[in-house]
Amino acid sequence: MQNHYNLVHRDDDALIDALAREDIAYVPFFPLGGFTPLQSAALETVARRLETTPMQVALTWLLARSPNLLLIPGTSSVAHLEENMVASARELGPLELQELDRIGGTGEPDVDL
């Protein structure tokens, strides 16, 4: 299954959970926002605290979201590929997860799509 999904666009939350119960993979497209990268004060704050980039935090959040999510973030450079790969080694703590979950859950007012 593939659909538009990322830290901000969370319409498929229930579907992802249902697919996970059935061991069916879900591939989010535009995991980093697509042509307009994800922007949010909360995302920036968490990234600064973890001393990483907002895009790495967004990918790490997706990896933590559900075990059935398979990420294929597009890139045209080796440098961005290497940056994206770092996200798989990162972990978000409960505080970071809570802050980031609020972005999609409450429609954080400062989110730019």
C-alpha atoms as a PDB file:
ATOM      1  CA  MET A   1       0.000   0.000   0.000  1.00  0.00           C
ATOM      2  CA  GLN A   2       1.300   3.474  -0.838  1.00  0.00           C
ATOM      3  CA  ASN A   3      -0.199   6.854  -0.085  1.00  0.00           C
ATOM      4  CA  HIS A   4       0.670  10.438   0.878  1.00  0.00           C
ATOM      5  CA  TYR A   5       1.821  10.332   4.496  1.00  0.00           C
ATOM      6  CA  ASN A   6       4.326  12.161   6.655  1.00  0.00           C
ATOM      7  CA  LEU A   7       4.648  13.927   9.987  1.00  0.00           C
ATOM      8  CA  VAL A   8       2.108  16.565   8.924  1.00  0.00           C
ATOM      9  CA  HIS A   9      -0.212  14.626   6.568  1.00  0.00           C
ATOM     10  CA  ARG A  10      -1.596  11.930   8.848  1.00  0.00           C
ATOM     11  CA  ASP A  11      -4.936  10.999   7.285  1.00  0.00           C
ATOM     12  CA  ASP A  12      -3.866   7.347   7.032  1.00  0.00           C
ATOM     13  CA  ASP A  13      -3.048   6.796  10.717  1.00  0.00           C
ATOM     14  CA  ALA A  14      -5.876   4.292  11.238  1.00  0.00           C
ATOM     15  CA  LEU A  15      -5.109   2.543   7.945  1.00  0.00           C
ATOM     16  CA  ILE A  16      -1.433   2.167   8.849  1.00  0.00           C
ATOM     17  CA  ASP A  17      -2.404   0.612  12.174  1.00  0.00           C
ATOM     18  CA  ALA A  18      -4.825  -1.791  10.473  1.00  0.00           C
ATOM     19  CA  LEU A  19      -2.221  -2.785   7.873  1.00  0.00           C
ATOM     20  CA  ALA A  20       0.366  -3.340  10.615  1.00  0.00           C
ATOM     21  CA  ARG A  21      -1.980  -5.780  12.368  1.00  0.00           C
ATOM     22  CA  GLU A  22      -2.145  -7.744   9.088  1.00  0.00           C
ATOM     23  CA  ASP A  23       1.633  -7.494   8.437  1.00  0.00           C
ATOM     24  CA  ILE A  24       1.035  -5.469   5.269  1.00  0.00           C
ATOM     25  CA  ALA A  25       3.640  -2.894   4.282  1.00  0.00           C
ATOM     26  CA  TYR A  26       2.824   0.772   3.841  1.00  0.00           C
ATOM     27  CA  VAL A  27       5.078   3.052   1.769  1.00  0.00           C
ATOM     28  CA  PRO A  28       4.538   6.743   2.469  1.00  0.00           C
ATOM     29  CA  PHE A  29       5.137   8.979  -0.521  1.00  0.00           C
ATOM     30  CA  PHE A  30       6.345  12.521   0.106  1.00  0.00           C
ATOM     31  CA  PRO A  31       7.764  11.407   3.483  1.00  0.00           C
ATOM     32  CA  LEU A  32       9.638  14.731   3.653  1.00  0.00           C
ATOM     33  CA  GLY A  33       6.834  16.874   2.285  1.00  0.00           C
ATOM     34  CA  GLY A  34       7.441  16.541  -1.433  1.00  0.00           C
ATOM     35  CA  PHE A  35       8.195  19.652  -3.447  1.00  0.00           C
ATOM     36  CA  THR A  36       7.779  21.821  -0.350  1.00  0.00           C
ATOM     37  CA  PRO A  37       9.797  20.319   2.518  1.00  0.00           C
ATOM     38  CA  LEU A  38       8.101  19.971   5.882  1.00  0.00           C
ATOM     39  CA  GLN A  39       8.457  23.054   8.060  1.00  0.00           C
ATOM     40  CA  SER A  40       7.379  23.399  11.655  1.00  0.00           C
ATOM     41  CA  ALA A  41       8.641  25.170  14.755  1.00  0.00           C
ATOM     42  CA  ALA A  42       8.296  21.927  16.749  1.00  0.00           C
ATOM     43  CA  LEU A  43      10.252  19.975  14.124  1.00  0.00           C
ATOM     44  CA  GLU A  44      13.011  22.618  14.148  1.00  0.00           C
ATOM     45  CA  THR A  45      13.121  22.606  17.959  1.00  0.00           C
ATOM     46  CA  VAL A  46      13.456  18.833  18.201  1.00  0.00           C
ATOM     47  CA  ALA A  47      16.126  18.816  15.484  1.00  0.00           C
ATOM     48  CA  ARG A  48      18.182  21.460  17.311  1.00  0.00           C
ATOM     49  CA  ARG A  49      17.866  19.566  20.596  1.00  0.00           C
ATOM     50  CA  LEU A  50      19.051  16.338  18.931  1.00  0.00           C
ATOM     51  CA  GLU A  51      21.728  18.197  16.947  1.00  0.00           C
ATOM     52  CA  THR A  52      20.463  16.920  13.626  1.00  0.00           C
ATOM     53  CA  THR A  53      18.402  18.142  10.684  1.00  0.00           C
ATOM     54  CA  PRO A  54      14.612  18.508  10.617  1.00  0.00           C
ATOM     55  CA  MET A  55      14.460  16.044   7.699  1.00  0.00           C
ATOM     56  CA  GLN A  56      16.357  13.405   9.680  1.00  0.00           C
ATOM     57  CA  VAL A  57      13.918  13.893  12.556  1.00  0.00           C
ATOM     58  CA  ALA A  58      10.943  13.544  10.182  1.00  0.00           C
ATOM     59  CA  LEU A  59      12.340  10.276   8.779  1.00  0.00           C
ATOM     60  CA  THR A  60      13.178   8.975  12.257  1.00  0.00           C
ATOM     61  CA  TRP A  61       9.624   9.743  13.358  1.00  0.00           C
ATOM     62  CA  LEU A  62       8.253   7.726  10.433  1.00  0.00           C
ATOM     63  CA  LEU A  63      10.497   4.774  11.282  1.00  0.00           C
ATOM     64  CA  ALA A  64       9.308   4.927  14.888  1.00  0.00           C
ATOM     65  CA  ARG A  65       5.658   5.342  13.863  1.00  0.00           C
ATOM     66  CA  SER A  66       5.041   1.736  12.829  1.00  0.00           C
ATOM     67  CA  PRO A  67       7.098  -1.334  11.930  1.00  0.00           C
ATOM     68  CA  ASN A  68       5.244  -1.761   8.625  1.00  0.00           C
ATOM     69  CA  LEU A  69       6.365   1.618   7.213  1.00  0.00           C
ATOM     70  CA  LEU A  70       8.913   1.277   4.422  1.00  0.00           C
ATOM     71  CA  LEU A  71      10.679   4.511   3.560  1.00  0.00           C
ATOM     72  CA  ILE A  72      11.912   5.457   0.120  1.00  0.00           C
ATOM     73  CA  PRO A  73      12.880   9.128   0.444  1.00  0.00           C
ATOM     74  CA  GLY A  74      13.864  10.357  -2.988  1.00  0.00           C
ATOM     75  CA  THR A  75      17.106  12.204  -3.480  1.00  0.00           C
ATOM     76  CA  SER A  76      19.362  13.228  -6.303  1.00  0.00           C
ATOM     77  CA  SER A  77      22.589  13.421  -4.323  1.00  0.00           C
ATOM     78  CA  VAL A  78      24.795  11.032  -2.400  1.00  0.00           C
ATOM     79  CA  ALA A  79      25.095  13.582   0.416  1.00  0.00           C
ATOM     80  CA  HIS A  80      21.315  13.617   0.957  1.00  0.00           C
ATOM     81  CA  LEU A  81      21.190   9.835   0.754  1.00  0.00           C
ATOM     82  CA  GLU A  82      23.824   9.629   3.475  1.00  0.00           C
ATOM     83  CA  GLU A  83      21.886  12.156   5.582  1.00  0.00           C
ATOM     84  CA  ASN A  84      18.705  10.124   5.146  1.00  0.00           C
ATOM     85  CA  MET A  85      20.472   6.923   6.188  1.00  0.00           C
ATOM     86  CA  VAL A  86      21.533   8.489   9.494  1.00  0.00           C
ATOM     87  CA  ALA A  87      17.850   8.715  10.430  1.00  0.00           C
ATOM     88  CA  SER A  88      17.617   4.932  10.672  1.00  0.00           C
ATOM     89  CA  ALA A  89      20.202   4.917  13.483  1.00  0.00           C
ATOM     90  CA  ARG A  90      18.524   7.674  15.492  1.00  0.00           C
ATOM     91  CA  GLU A  91      16.008   7.192  18.250  1.00  0.00           C
ATOM     92  CA  LEU A  92      13.416   9.624  19.499  1.00  0.00           C
ATOM     93  CA  GLY A  93      12.601   9.747  23.177  1.00  0.00           C
ATOM     94  CA  PRO A  94       9.089   9.989  24.616  1.00  0.00           C
ATOM     95  CA  LEU A  95       9.291  13.792  24.853  1.00  0.00           C
ATOM     96  CA  GLU A  96      10.310  14.171  21.199  1.00  0.00           C
ATOM     97  CA  LEU A  97       7.643  11.719  20.033  1.00  0.00           C
ATOM     98  CA  GLN A  98       4.996  13.606  21.990  1.00  0.00           C
ATOM     99  CA  GLU A  99       6.076  16.968  20.547  1.00  0.00           C
ATOM    100  CA  LEU A 100       6.164  15.628  16.994  1.00  0.00           C
ATOM    101  CA  ASP A 101       2.868  13.747  17.286  1.00  0.00           C
ATOM    102  CA  ARG A 102       1.155  17.043  18.104  1.00  0.00           C
ATOM    103  CA  ILE A 103       2.154  18.453  14.706  1.00  0.00           C
ATOM    104  CA  GLY A 104      -0.147  16.136  12.763  1.00  0.00           C
ATOM    105  CA  GLY A 105      -2.637  15.509  15.524  1.00  0.00           C
ATOM    106  CA  THR A 106      -3.593  19.087  16.277  1.00  0.00           C
ATOM    107  CA  GLY A 107      -2.706  20.858  13.056  1.00  0.00           C
ATOM    108  CA  GLU A 108       0.054  22.931  14.604  1.00  0.00           C
ATOM    109  CA  PRO A 109      -0.612  26.529  13.537  1.00  0.00           C
ATOM    110  CA  ASP A 110       2.925  27.261  12.307  1.00  0.00           C
ATOM    111  CA  VAL A 111       3.162  24.333   9.916  1.00  0.00           C
ATOM    112  CA  ASP A 112       3.952  25.417   6.373  1.00  0.00           C
ATOM    113  CA  LEU A 113       2.974  22.892   3.726  1.00  0.00           C
END
